[in-house]
C-alpha cells in the first residue's frame, strides 16, 4: 500500500511555454533554460 506521498497526484499534467503568476507577470520557460513549464490540471 502506498503512502500519501507516494500516490499519483490527481489530474492531468500539461506543458506550456508561458506561465502567468497571480500578480499578472508572465514567465517564459526559455528564459529559465526549460522547454516548457509542467502544469497540473484537474
PDB file of N, CA and C in Angstrom:
ATOM      1  N   UNK A   1       0.842  -1.182   0.000  1.00  0.00           N
ATOM      2  CA  UNK A   1       0.000   0.000   0.000  1.00  0.00           C
ATOM      3  C   UNK A   1       0.887   1.245   0.000  1.00  0.00           C
ATOM      4  N   UNK A   2       0.571   2.172  -0.874  1.00  0.00           N
ATOM      5  CA  UNK A   2       1.365   3.385  -0.979  1.00  0.00           C
ATOM      6  C   UNK A   2       0.938   4.402   0.071  1.00  0.00           C
ATOM      7  N   UNK A   3       1.913   5.141   0.553  1.00  0.00           N
ATOM      8  CA  UNK A   3       1.595   6.206   1.494  1.00  0.00           C
ATOM      9  C   UNK A   3       1.051   7.402   0.725  1.00  0.00           C
ATOM     10  N   UNK A   4       0.582   8.395   1.448  1.00  0.00           N
ATOM     11  CA  UNK A   4       0.019   9.580   0.811  1.00  0.00           C
ATOM     12  C   UNK A   4       1.027  10.262  -0.112  1.00  0.00           C
ATOM     13  N   UNK A   5       2.291  10.298   0.280  1.00  0.00           N
ATOM     14  CA  UNK A   5       3.314  10.962  -0.520  1.00  0.00           C
ATOM     15  C   UNK A   5       3.674  10.178  -1.776  1.00  0.00           C
ATOM     16  N   UNK A   6       3.425   8.880  -1.804  1.00  0.00           N
ATOM     17  CA  UNK A   6       3.807   8.044  -2.946  1.00  0.00           C
ATOM     18  C   UNK A   6       2.699   7.905  -3.984  1.00  0.00           C
ATOM     19  N   UNK A   7       1.474   8.347  -3.673  1.00  0.00           N
ATOM     20  CA  UNK A   7       0.352   8.222  -4.606  1.00  0.00           C
ATOM     21  C   UNK A   7       0.525   9.158  -5.787  1.00  0.00           C
ATOM     22  N   UNK A   8      -0.078   8.770  -6.887  1.00  0.00           N
ATOM     23  CA  UNK A   8      -0.067   9.611  -8.074  1.00  0.00           C
ATOM     24  C   UNK A   8      -0.927  10.848  -7.811  1.00  0.00           C
ATOM     25  N   UNK A   9      -0.440  12.031  -8.157  1.00  0.00           N
ATOM     26  CA  UNK A   9      -1.255  13.224  -7.988  1.00  0.00           C
ATOM     27  C   UNK A   9      -2.471  13.178  -8.906  1.00  0.00           C
ATOM     28  N   UNK A  10      -3.583  13.743  -8.451  1.00  0.00           N
ATOM     29  CA  UNK A  10      -4.788  13.753  -9.268  1.00  0.00           C
ATOM     30  C   UNK A  10      -4.670  14.773 -10.383  1.00  0.00           C
ATOM     31  N   UNK A  11      -5.307  14.497 -11.495  1.00  0.00           N
ATOM     32  CA  UNK A  11      -5.324  15.427 -12.617  1.00  0.00           C
ATOM     33  C   UNK A  11      -4.382  15.009 -13.722  1.00  0.00           C
ATOM     34  N   UNK A  12      -4.314  15.850 -14.711  1.00  0.00           N
ATOM     35  CA  UNK A  12      -3.506  15.617 -15.899  1.00  0.00           C
ATOM     36  C   UNK A  12      -2.347  16.607 -15.920  1.00  0.00           C
ATOM     37  N   UNK A  13      -1.218  16.160 -16.390  1.00  0.00           N
ATOM     38  CA  UNK A  13      -0.054  17.026 -16.496  1.00  0.00           C
ATOM     39  C   UNK A  13       0.035  17.548 -17.922  1.00  0.00           C
ATOM     40  N   UNK A  14       0.047  18.884 -18.077  1.00  0.00           N
ATOM     41  CA  UNK A  14       0.202  19.503 -19.384  1.00  0.00           C
ATOM     42  C   UNK A  14       1.448  20.378 -19.352  1.00  0.00           C
ATOM     43  N   UNK A  15       1.956  20.724 -20.502  1.00  0.00           N
ATOM     44  CA  UNK A  15       3.164  21.543 -20.598  1.00  0.00           C
ATOM     45  C   UNK A  15       2.866  22.793 -21.413  1.00  0.00           C
ATOM     46  N   UNK A  16       3.299  23.943 -20.881  1.00  0.00           N
ATOM     47  CA  UNK A  16       3.103  25.225 -21.552  1.00  0.00           C
ATOM     48  C   UNK A  16       4.394  26.031 -21.505  1.00  0.00           C
ATOM     49  N   UNK A  17       4.675  26.754 -22.578  1.00  0.00           N
ATOM     50  CA  UNK A  17       5.896  27.564 -22.607  1.00  0.00           C
ATOM     51  C   UNK A  17       5.782  28.763 -21.671  1.00  0.00           C
ATOM     52  N   UNK A  18       4.594  29.378 -21.601  1.00  0.00           N
ATOM     53  CA  UNK A  18       4.405  30.570 -20.779  1.00  0.00           C
ATOM     54  C   UNK A  18       3.591  30.232 -19.541  1.00  0.00           C
ATOM     55  N   UNK A  19       3.870  30.938 -18.462  1.00  0.00           N
ATOM     56  CA  UNK A  19       3.182  30.725 -17.190  1.00  0.00           C
ATOM     57  C   UNK A  19       2.866  32.096 -16.597  1.00  0.00           C
ATOM     58  N   UNK A  20       1.608  32.310 -16.203  1.00  0.00           N
ATOM     59  CA  UNK A  20       1.198  33.596 -15.629  1.00  0.00           C
ATOM     60  C   UNK A  20       1.111  33.451 -14.111  1.00  0.00           C
ATOM     61  N   UNK A  21       1.762  34.357 -13.403  1.00  0.00           N
ATOM     62  CA  UNK A  21       1.738  34.372 -11.948  1.00  0.00           C
ATOM     63  C   UNK A  21       0.497  35.112 -11.454  1.00  0.00           C
ATOM     64  N   UNK A  22       0.105  34.899 -10.193  1.00  0.00           N
ATOM     65  CA  UNK A  22      -1.075  35.586  -9.662  1.00  0.00           C
ATOM     66  C   UNK A  22      -0.993  37.114  -9.741  1.00  0.00           C
ATOM     67  N   UNK A  23       0.209  37.673  -9.730  1.00  0.00           N
ATOM     68  CA  UNK A  23       0.340  39.130  -9.802  1.00  0.00           C
ATOM     69  C   UNK A  23       0.292  39.649 -11.239  1.00  0.00           C
ATOM     70  N   UNK A  24       0.096  38.767 -12.235  1.00  0.00           N
ATOM     71  CA  UNK A  24      -0.030  39.165 -13.629  1.00  0.00           C
ATOM     72  C   UNK A  24       1.244  39.049 -14.438  1.00  0.00           C
ATOM     73  N   UNK A  25       2.362  38.788 -13.804  1.00  0.00           N
ATOM     74  CA  UNK A  25       3.639  38.659 -14.514  1.00  0.00           C
ATOM     75  C   UNK A  25       3.659  37.358 -15.312  1.00  0.00           C
ATOM     76  N   UNK A  26       4.203  37.401 -16.529  1.00  0.00           N
ATOM     77  CA  UNK A  26       4.278  36.223 -17.391  1.00  0.00           C
ATOM     78  C   UNK A  26       5.720  35.726 -17.423  1.00  0.00           C
ATOM     79  N   UNK A  27       5.907  34.431 -17.151  1.00  0.00           N
ATOM     80  CA  UNK A  27       7.229  33.826 -17.186  1.00  0.00           C
ATOM     81  C   UNK A  27       7.370  32.989 -18.448  1.00  0.00           C
ATOM     82  N   UNK A  28       8.513  33.121 -19.123  1.00  0.00           N
ATOM     83  CA  UNK A  28       8.823  32.338 -20.316  1.00  0.00           C
ATOM     84  C   UNK A  28       9.793  31.227 -19.901  1.00  0.00           C
ATOM     85  N   UNK A  29       9.429  29.979 -20.143  1.00  0.00           N
ATOM     86  CA  UNK A  29      10.262  28.844 -19.730  1.00  0.00           C
ATOM     87  C   UNK A  29      11.644  28.903 -20.385  1.00  0.00           C
ATOM     88  N   UNK A  30      11.750  29.436 -21.590  1.00  0.00           N
ATOM     89  CA  UNK A  30      13.038  29.501 -22.283  1.00  0.00           C
ATOM     90  C   UNK A  30      14.040  30.389 -21.551  1.00  0.00           C
ATOM     91  N   UNK A  31      13.539  31.395 -20.844  1.00  0.00           N
ATOM     92  CA  UNK A  31      14.427  32.270 -20.081  1.00  0.00           C
ATOM     93  C   UNK A  31      15.046  31.550 -18.880  1.00  0.00           C
ATOM     94  N   UNK A  32      14.439  30.433 -18.477  1.00  0.00           N
ATOM     95  CA  UNK A  32      14.920  29.651 -17.341  1.00  0.00           C
ATOM     96  C   UNK A  32      15.588  28.348 -17.778  1.00  0.00           C
ATOM     97  N   UNK A  33      15.862  28.216 -19.072  1.00  0.00           N
ATOM     98  CA  UNK A  33      16.534  27.028 -19.594  1.00  0.00           C
ATOM     99  C   UNK A  33      15.628  25.816 -19.737  1.00  0.00           C
ATOM    100  N   UNK A  34      14.323  26.039 -19.789  1.00  0.00           N
ATOM    101  CA  UNK A  34      13.360  24.946 -19.933  1.00  0.00           C
ATOM    102  C   UNK A  34      12.661  25.053 -21.284  1.00  0.00           C
ATOM    103  N   UNK A  35      12.141  23.931 -21.769  1.00  0.00           N
ATOM    104  CA  UNK A  35      11.335  23.978 -22.976  1.00  0.00           C
ATOM    105  C   UNK A  35       9.912  24.396 -22.644  1.00  0.00           C
ATOM    106  N   UNK A  36       9.402  23.948 -21.482  1.00  0.00           N
ATOM    107  CA  UNK A  36       8.034  24.262 -21.079  1.00  0.00           C
ATOM    108  C   UNK A  36       7.868  24.054 -19.584  1.00  0.00           C
ATOM    109  N   UNK A  37       6.829  24.680 -19.024  1.00  0.00           N
ATOM    110  CA  UNK A  37       6.504  24.506 -17.608  1.00  0.00           C
ATOM    111  C   UNK A  37       5.535  23.327 -17.467  1.00  0.00           C
ATOM    112  N   UNK A  38       5.756  22.418 -16.529  1.00  0.00           N
ATOM    113  CA  UNK A  38       4.759  21.376 -16.262  1.00  0.00           C
ATOM    114  C   UNK A  38       3.657  21.973 -15.379  1.00  0.00           C
ATOM    115  N   UNK A  39       2.401  21.800 -15.782  1.00  0.00           N
ATOM    116  CA  UNK A  39       1.265  22.346 -15.045  1.00  0.00           C
ATOM    117  C   UNK A  39       0.256  21.228 -14.818  1.00  0.00           C
ATOM    118  N   UNK A  40      -0.157  21.046 -13.559  1.00  0.00           N
ATOM    119  CA  UNK A  40      -1.149  20.011 -13.204  1.00  0.00           C
ATOM    120  C   UNK A  40      -2.534  20.632 -13.258  1.00  0.00           C
ATOM    121  N   UNK A  41      -3.462  20.021 -14.020  1.00  0.00           N
ATOM    122  CA  UNK A  41      -4.846  20.475 -14.105  1.00  0.00           C
ATOM    123  C   UNK A  41      -5.758  19.351 -13.670  1.00  0.00           C
ATOM    124  N   UNK A  42      -6.889  19.705 -13.083  1.00  0.00           N
ATOM    125  CA  UNK A  42      -7.850  18.690 -12.612  1.00  0.00           C
ATOM    126  C   UNK A  42      -8.719  18.202 -13.733  1.00  0.00           C
TER     127      UNK A  42
END
